[in-house]
PDB file of N, CA and C in Angstrom:
ATOM      1  N   MET A   1      50.065 134.194  81.437  1.00  0.00           N
ATOM      2  CA  MET A   1      50.409 133.411  82.787  1.00  0.00           C
ATOM      3  C   MET A   1      50.939 132.300  82.267  1.00  0.00           C
ATOM      4  N   ILE A   2      49.773 131.639  81.328  1.00  0.00           N
ATOM      5  CA  ILE A   2      50.253 130.188  81.336  1.00  0.00           C
ATOM      6  C   ILE A   2      51.772 129.694  80.773  1.00  0.00           C
ATOM      7  N   THR A   3      52.775 130.869  79.904  1.00  0.00           N
ATOM      8  CA  THR A   3      53.309 130.575  79.123  1.00  0.00           C
ATOM      9  C   THR A   3      54.924 130.594  80.844  1.00  0.00           C
ATOM     10  N   ILE A   4      54.566 131.510  81.598  1.00  0.00           N
ATOM     11  CA  ILE A   4      55.162 131.592  81.962  1.00  0.00           C
ATOM     12  C   ILE A   4      55.399 129.927  82.972  1.00  0.00           C
ATOM     13  N   ILE A   5      53.759 129.567  83.306  1.00  0.00           N
ATOM     14  CA  ILE A   5      54.515 128.646  84.161  1.00  0.00           C
ATOM     15  C   ILE A   5      54.666 127.414  83.384  1.00  0.00           C
ATOM     16  N   GLY A   6      54.948 127.737  81.995  1.00  0.00           N
ATOM     17  CA  GLY A   6      55.484 126.458  81.064  1.00  0.00           C
ATOM     18  C   GLY A   6      56.972 126.565  81.150  1.00  0.00           C
ATOM     19  N   TRP A   7      57.588 127.924  81.206  1.00  0.00           N
ATOM     20  CA  TRP A   7      58.724 127.937  81.122  1.00  0.00           C
ATOM     21  C   TRP A   7      59.479 127.679  82.842  1.00  0.00           C
ATOM     22  N   VAL A   8      58.282 127.805  83.615  1.00  0.00           N
ATOM     23  CA  VAL A   8      59.061 127.586  85.145  1.00  0.00           C
ATOM     24  C   VAL A   8      59.195 125.658  85.200  1.00  0.00           C
ATOM     25  N   TRP A   9      57.600 125.720  84.419  1.00  0.00           N
ATOM     26  CA  TRP A   9      58.220 123.530  84.727  1.00  0.00           C
ATOM     27  C   TRP A   9      59.196 123.506  83.348  1.00  0.00           C
ATOM     28  N   LEU A  10      59.483 123.703  82.232  1.00  0.00           N
ATOM     29  CA  LEU A  10      60.504 123.854  81.979  1.00  0.00           C
ATOM     30  C   LEU A  10      62.125 123.812  82.228  1.00  0.00           C
ATOM     31  N   GLY A  11      62.087 124.748  83.771  1.00  0.00           N
ATOM     32  CA  GLY A  11      63.357 124.500  83.881  1.00  0.00           C
ATOM     33  C   GLY A  11      63.499 124.030  84.969  1.00  0.00           C
ATOM     34  N   ILE A  12      62.323 123.679  86.067  1.00  0.00           N
ATOM     35  CA  ILE A  12      62.386 122.504  87.187  1.00  0.00           C
ATOM     36  C   ILE A  12      62.729 121.211  86.083  1.00  0.00           C
ATOM     37  N   ILE A  13      62.226 120.653  85.017  1.00  0.00           N
ATOM     38  CA  ILE A  13      62.440 119.397  84.702  1.00  0.00           C
ATOM     39  C   ILE A  13      64.163 119.535  83.948  1.00  0.00           C
ATOM     40  N   VAL A  14      64.328 120.463  83.106  1.00  0.00           N
ATOM     41  CA  VAL A  14      65.585 120.918  82.609  1.00  0.00           C
ATOM     42  C   VAL A  14      67.080 120.650  84.020  1.00  0.00           C
ATOM     43  N   GLY A  15      66.336 121.431  84.852  1.00  0.00           N
ATOM     44  CA  GLY A  15      67.515 121.745  86.267  1.00  0.00           C
ATOM     45  C   GLY A  15      67.339 120.325  87.289  1.00  0.00           C
ATOM     46  N   MET A  16      66.493 119.583  87.240  1.00  0.00           N
ATOM     47  CA  MET A  16      66.257 117.952  87.022  1.00  0.00           C
ATOM     48  C   MET A  16      67.504 117.697  86.602  1.00  0.00           C
ATOM     49  N   LEU A  17      67.043 117.589  85.454  1.00  0.00           N
ATOM     50  CA  LEU A  17      67.929 116.633  84.205  1.00  0.00           C
ATOM     51  C   LEU A  17      69.398 117.167  84.709  1.00  0.00           C
ATOM     52  N   VAL A  18      69.390 118.209  84.575  1.00  0.00           N
ATOM     53  CA  VAL A  18      71.872 118.284  84.795  1.00  0.00           C
ATOM     54  C   VAL A  18      72.046 118.187  86.245  1.00  0.00           C
ATOM     55  N   GLY A  19      70.886 118.001  87.624  1.00  0.00           N
ATOM     56  CA  GLY A  19      71.459 117.217  88.637  1.00  0.00           C
ATOM     57  C   GLY A  19      71.656 116.356  88.751  1.00  0.00           C
ATOM     58  N   MET A  20      70.806 115.531  87.806  1.00  0.00           N
ATOM     59  CA  MET A  20      70.936 114.120  88.009  1.00  0.00           C
ATOM     60  C   MET A  20      72.325 113.810  87.233  1.00  0.00           C
ATOM     61  N   VAL A  21      72.394 114.270  85.921  1.00  0.00           N
ATOM     62  CA  VAL A  21      74.033 114.140  84.957  1.00  0.00           C
ATOM     63  C   VAL A  21      75.183 114.724  86.284  1.00  0.00           C
ATOM     64  N   THR A  22      75.299 115.455  86.581  1.00  0.00           N
ATOM     65  CA  THR A  22      75.966 115.730  87.740  1.00  0.00           C
ATOM     66  C   THR A  22      76.449 114.970  88.993  1.00  0.00           C
ATOM     67  N   THR A  23      75.219 114.312  89.188  1.00  0.00           N
ATOM     68  CA  THR A  23      74.943 113.371  90.499  1.00  0.00           C
ATOM     69  C   THR A  23      76.064 112.465  90.169  1.00  0.00           C
ATOM     70  N   SER A  24      75.358 111.930  88.922  1.00  0.00           N
ATOM     71  CA  SER A  24      76.474 110.649  88.078  1.00  0.00           C
ATOM     72  C   SER A  24      77.446 110.650  88.076  1.00  0.00           C
ATOM     73  N   LEU A  25      77.628 111.439  87.194  1.00  0.00           N
ATOM     74  CA  LEU A  25      79.439 111.958  87.019  1.00  0.00           C
ATOM     75  C   LEU A  25      80.072 111.977  88.348  1.00  0.00           C
ATOM     76  N   LEU A  26      79.587 112.488  88.841  1.00  0.00           N
ATOM     77  CA  LEU A  26      80.150 112.715  90.505  1.00  0.00           C
ATOM     78  C   LEU A  26      80.564 111.577  91.398  1.00  0.00           C
ATOM     79  N   ALA A  27      79.675 110.411  91.301  1.00  0.00           N
ATOM     80  CA  ALA A  27      79.344 108.615  91.997  1.00  0.00           C
ATOM     81  C   ALA A  27      79.809 108.502  91.021  1.00  0.00           C
ATOM     82  N   ASN A  28      80.134 108.334  89.990  1.00  0.00           N
ATOM     83  CA  ASN A  28      80.631 107.305  89.244  1.00  0.00           C
ATOM     84  C   ASN A  28      82.995 107.605  89.251  1.00  0.00           C
ATOM     85  N   ASN A  29      82.810 108.784  89.248  1.00  0.00           N
ATOM     86  CA  ASN A  29      84.338 109.249  89.912  1.00  0.00           C
ATOM     87  C   ASN A  29      84.665 108.724  90.956  1.00  0.00           C
ATOM     88  N   LYS A  30      83.934 108.879  92.467  1.00  0.00           N
ATOM     89  CA  LYS A  30      84.154 108.304  93.677  1.00  0.00           C
ATOM     90  C   LYS A  30      84.128 106.666  93.631  1.00  0.00           C
ATOM     91  N   GLN A  31      83.164 106.203  92.744  1.00  0.00           N
ATOM     92  CA  GLN A  31      83.321 104.577  92.960  1.00  0.00           C
ATOM     93  C   GLN A  31      84.569 104.260  91.872  1.00  0.00           C
ATOM     94  N   THR A  32      85.078 105.132  91.297  1.00  0.00           N
ATOM     95  CA  THR A  32      86.203 104.576  90.476  1.00  0.00           C
ATOM     96  C   THR A  32      87.116 104.654  91.338  1.00  0.00           C
ATOM     97  N   ASP A  33      87.235 105.410  92.219  1.00  0.00           N
ATOM     98  CA  ASP A  33      88.688 105.591  93.009  1.00  0.00           C
ATOM     99  C   ASP A  33      88.563 105.376  94.499  1.00  0.00           C
ATOM    100  N   LEU A  34      87.421 104.374  94.904  1.00  0.00           N
ATOM    101  CA  LEU A  34      87.131 103.690  95.606  1.00  0.00           C
ATOM    102  C   LEU A  34      87.680 102.087  95.432  1.00  0.00           C
ATOM    103  N   GLU A  35      87.517 101.820  94.091  1.00  0.00           N
ATOM    104  CA  GLU A  35      88.190 100.736  93.300  1.00  0.00           C
ATOM    105  C   GLU A  35      89.200 100.683  92.869  1.00  0.00           C
ATOM    106  N   ALA A  36      89.624 101.733  92.600  1.00  0.00           N
ATOM    107  CA  ALA A  36      91.523 101.763  92.827  1.00  0.00           C
ATOM    108  C   ALA A  36      91.825 101.700  94.260  1.00  0.00           C
ATOM    109  N   GLU A  37      91.571 102.080  94.770  1.00  0.00           N
ATOM    110  CA  GLU A  37      91.445 101.882  96.367  1.00  0.00           C
ATOM    111  C   GLU A  37      91.999 100.163  97.046  1.00  0.00           C
ATOM    112  N   ASN A  38      90.463  99.510  96.422  1.00  0.00           N
ATOM    113  CA  ASN A  38      90.072  98.181  97.099  1.00  0.00           C
ATOM    114  C   ASN A  38      91.316  97.312  96.148  1.00  0.00           C
ATOM    115  N   LEU A  39      91.365  97.986  95.026  1.00  0.00           N
ATOM    116  CA  LEU A  39      92.990  97.010  94.343  1.00  0.00           C
ATOM    117  C   LEU A  39      94.459  96.831  95.255  1.00  0.00           C
ATOM    118  N   HIS A  40      94.677  98.079  95.611  1.00  0.00           N
ATOM    119  CA  HIS A  40      95.750  98.663  95.947  1.00  0.00           C
ATOM    120  C   HIS A  40      95.388  97.889  97.034  1.00  0.00           C
ATOM    121  N   LEU A  41      94.761  97.934  98.204  1.00  0.00           N
ATOM    122  CA  LEU A  41      94.168  97.412  99.405  1.00  0.00           C
ATOM    123  C   LEU A  41      95.012  95.800  99.193  1.00  0.00           C
ATOM    124  N   ARG A  42      94.160  95.125  98.034  1.00  0.00           N
ATOM    125  CA  ARG A  42      94.764  93.771  97.758  1.00  0.00           C
ATOM    126  C   ARG A  42      95.762  92.938  97.745  1.00  0.00           C
ATOM    127  N   PHE A  43      96.623  93.998  96.799  1.00  0.00           N
ATOM    128  CA  PHE A  43      97.560  94.303  96.909  1.00  0.00           C
ATOM    129  C   PHE A  43      99.354  93.699  98.411  1.00  0.00           C
ATOM    130  N   VAL A  44      98.631  94.815  98.614  1.00  0.00           N
ATOM    131  CA  VAL A  44      99.002  95.196 100.247  1.00  0.00           C
ATOM    132  C   VAL A  44      99.186  94.097 101.300  1.00  0.00           C
ATOM    133  N   ARG A  45      97.609  92.972 101.069  1.00  0.00           N
ATOM    134  CA  ARG A  45      97.365  92.500 101.640  1.00  0.00           C
ATOM    135  C   ARG A  45      97.884  91.014 101.010  1.00  0.00           C
ATOM    136  N   ASP A  46      98.000  90.697 100.445  1.00  0.00           N
ATOM    137  CA  ASP A  46      98.525  89.681  99.461  1.00  0.00           C
ATOM    138  C   ASP A  46     100.264  89.906 100.072  1.00  0.00           C
ATOM    139  N   SER A  47     100.503  90.717  99.632  1.00  0.00           N
ATOM    140  CA  SER A  47     102.211  91.114  99.790  1.00  0.00           C
ATOM    141  C   SER A  47     102.359  90.290 101.514  1.00  0.00           C
ATOM    142  N   LEU A  48     101.451  90.471 102.260  1.00  0.00           N
ATOM    143  CA  LEU A  48     101.938  91.291 103.464  1.00  0.00           C
ATOM    144  C   LEU A  48     101.626  89.582 104.550  1.00  0.00           C
ATOM    145  N   LYS A  49     100.951  88.860 103.291  1.00  0.00           N
ATOM    146  CA  LYS A  49     100.886  87.086 103.499  1.00  0.00           C
ATOM    147  C   LYS A  49     101.929  86.421 103.076  1.00  0.00           C
ATOM    148  N   GLU A  50     102.685  87.040 102.148  1.00  0.00           N
ATOM    149  CA  GLU A  50     103.627  86.301 101.394  1.00  0.00           C
ATOM    150  C   GLU A  50     104.715  86.637 102.276  1.00  0.00           C
ATOM    151  N   GLU A  51     104.500  87.639 103.384  1.00  0.00           N
ATOM    152  CA  GLU A  51     105.968  87.831 104.152  1.00  0.00           C
ATOM    153  C   GLU A  51     105.862  87.121 105.031  1.00  0.00           C
ATOM    154  N   ILE A  52     104.530  86.791 105.875  1.00  0.00           N
ATOM    155  CA  ILE A  52     104.328  86.149 106.570  1.00  0.00           C
ATOM    156  C   ILE A  52     104.937  84.892 106.888  1.00  0.00           C
ATOM    157  N   PHE A  53     104.352  84.062 105.463  1.00  0.00           N
ATOM    158  CA  PHE A  53     104.720  82.859 105.042  1.00  0.00           C
ATOM    159  C   PHE A  53     105.733  82.371 105.071  1.00  0.00           C
ATOM    160  N   ARG A  54     106.461  83.715 104.832  1.00  0.00           N
ATOM    161  CA  ARG A  54     108.362  83.632 104.240  1.00  0.00           C
ATOM    162  C   ARG A  54     108.701  83.770 106.064  1.00  0.00           C
ATOM    163  N   LEU A  55     108.647  84.395 106.459  1.00  0.00           N
ATOM    164  CA  LEU A  55     108.921  84.655 107.601  1.00  0.00           C
ATOM    165  C   LEU A  55     108.665  82.983 108.493  1.00  0.00           C
ATOM    166  N   GLU A  56     107.675  82.824 108.148  1.00  0.00           N
ATOM    167  CA  GLU A  56     107.438  80.945 109.118  1.00  0.00           C
ATOM    168  C   GLU A  56     107.741  80.004 108.616  1.00  0.00           C
ATOM    169  N   ASN A  57     108.366  79.816 107.407  1.00  0.00           N
ATOM    170  CA  ASN A  57     109.062  79.180 106.918  1.00  0.00           C
ATOM    171  C   ASN A  57     109.935  78.792 107.560  1.00  0.00           C
ATOM    172  N   GLN A  58     110.665  79.591 107.932  1.00  0.00           N
ATOM    173  CA  GLN A  58     112.208  80.246 108.032  1.00  0.00           C
ATOM    174  C   GLN A  58     112.039  78.912 109.175  1.00  0.00           C
ATOM    175  N   THR A  59     113.868  78.234 109.196  1.00  0.00           N
ATOM    176  CA  THR A  59     114.133  76.697 109.515  1.00  0.00           C
ATOM    177  C   THR A  59     114.609  78.439 110.947  1.00  0.00           C
ATOM    178  N   LYS A  60     114.971  77.023 111.566  1.00  0.00           N
ATOM    179  CA  LYS A  60     115.517  77.865 113.243  1.00  0.00           C
ATOM    180  C   LYS A  60     117.018  77.852 113.134  1.00  0.00           C
ATOM    181  N   PRO A  61     117.936  79.132 113.599  1.00  0.00           N
ATOM    182  CA  PRO A  61     119.478  78.995 113.300  1.00  0.00           C
ATOM    183  C   PRO A  61     120.076  77.577 114.248  1.00  0.00           C
ATOM    184  N   LYS A  62     121.153  77.190 113.612  1.00  0.00           N
ATOM    185  CA  LYS A  62     121.810  76.442 114.403  1.00  0.00           C
ATOM    186  C   LYS A  62     122.135  77.043 115.994  1.00  0.00           C
ATOM    187  N   PRO A  63     122.337  75.922 117.300  1.00  0.00           N
ATOM    188  CA  PRO A  63     122.709  76.388 118.034  1.00  0.00           C
ATOM    189  C   PRO A  63     124.769  76.690 118.228  1.00  0.00           C
ATOM    190  N   ARG A  64     124.750  77.696 118.974  1.00  0.00           N
ATOM    191  CA  ARG A  64     125.973  77.643 119.005  1.00  0.00           C
ATOM    192  C   ARG A  64     126.644  77.107 119.656  1.00  0.00           C
ATOM    193  N   ASN A  65     128.440  76.467 119.578  1.00  0.00           N
ATOM    194  CA  ASN A  65     129.099  75.271 120.107  1.00  0.00           C
ATOM    195  C   ASN A  65     129.976  75.808 121.243  1.00  0.00           C
ATOM    196  N   LYS A  66     129.766  74.867 122.110  1.00  0.00           N
ATOM    197  CA  LYS A  66     130.054  75.312 123.331  1.00  0.00           C
ATOM    198  C   LYS A  66     131.526  75.403 123.476  1.00  0.00           C
ATOM    199  N   ARG A  67     132.765  76.617 124.118  1.00  0.00           N
ATOM    200  CA  ARG A  67     133.759  76.876 123.986  1.00  0.00           C
ATOM    201  C   ARG A  67     134.647  75.449 125.087  1.00  0.00           C
ATOM    202  N   ASN A  68     135.132  74.744 124.969  1.00  0.00           N
ATOM    203  CA  ASN A  68     135.938  73.808 125.684  1.00  0.00           C
ATOM    204  C   ASN A  68     136.389  74.828 126.949  1.00  0.00           C
ATOM    205  N   LEU A  69     137.136  74.852 127.588  1.00  0.00           N
ATOM    206  CA  LEU A  69     137.761  75.918 128.070  1.00  0.00           C
ATOM    207  C   LEU A  69     137.598  74.998 129.886  1.00  0.00           C
ATOM    208  N   ARG A  70     139.205  75.133 129.859  1.00  0.00           N
ATOM    209  CA  ARG A  70     139.743  74.341 130.392  1.00  0.00           C
ATOM    210  C   ARG A  70     140.767  75.724 131.791  1.00  0.00           C
ATOM    211  N   ALA A  71     140.104  75.652 132.879  1.00  0.00           N
ATOM    212  CA  ALA A  71     140.811  76.600 134.062  1.00  0.00           C
ATOM    213  C   ALA A  71     142.408  76.252 133.740  1.00  0.00           C
ATOM    214  N   LYS A  72     143.157  77.261 134.003  1.00  0.00           N
ATOM    215  CA  LYS A  72     144.384  76.621 134.286  1.00  0.00           C
ATOM    216  C   LYS A  72     144.522  77.650 135.400  1.00  0.00           C
ATOM    217  N   SER A  73     146.150  76.788 135.727  1.00  0.00           N
ATOM    218  CA  SER A  73     146.551  77.073 136.992  1.00  0.00           C
ATOM    219  C   SER A  73     146.548  78.578 136.633  1.00  0.00           C
ATOM    220  N   ILE A  74     146.176  79.374 138.089  1.00  0.00           N
ATOM    221  CA  ILE A  74     146.398  80.564 138.413  1.00  0.00           C
ATOM    222  C   ILE A  74     147.342  80.507 139.570  1.00  0.00           C
ATOM    223  N   LYS A  75     147.816  81.749 140.190  1.00  0.00           N
ATOM    224  CA  LYS A  75     149.307  82.060 141.050  1.00  0.00           C
ATOM    225  C   LYS A  75     148.715  83.613 141.224  1.00  0.00           C
ATOM    226  N   ILE A  76     148.086  83.462 142.548  1.00  0.00           N
ATOM    227  CA  ILE A  76     148.095  84.840 143.291  1.00  0.00           C
ATOM    228  C   ILE A  76     149.153  84.994 144.500  1.00  0.00           C
ATOM    229  N   GLY A  77     149.391  86.037 143.762  1.00  0.00           N
ATOM    230  CA  GLY A  77     150.377  86.584 144.336  1.00  0.00           C
ATOM    231  C   GLY A  77     151.828  86.268 143.654  1.00  0.00           C
ATOM    232  N   LYS A  78     152.796  86.412 144.726  1.00  0.00           N
ATOM    233  CA  LYS A  78     154.484  85.644 144.421  1.00  0.00           C
ATOM    234  C   LYS A  78     154.378  84.150 144.569  1.00  0.00           C
TER     235      LYS A  78
END
């Protein structure tokens, strides 16, 4: 009877250890994925900032020259 209780406790302890190791490995993979996504989002943010600054610092286009159009004599009819 005592040996059965001992085996049950041993199974519980080994199961807890295996569960903790599995959980830590899965959490580590998830953390690595989140860190990689964080680095990607930082890169995108910096790229967009550079694009905004580049667009803000552009000079305004030179206005068009007005044409000097003169009205010519228009003959109506004959």
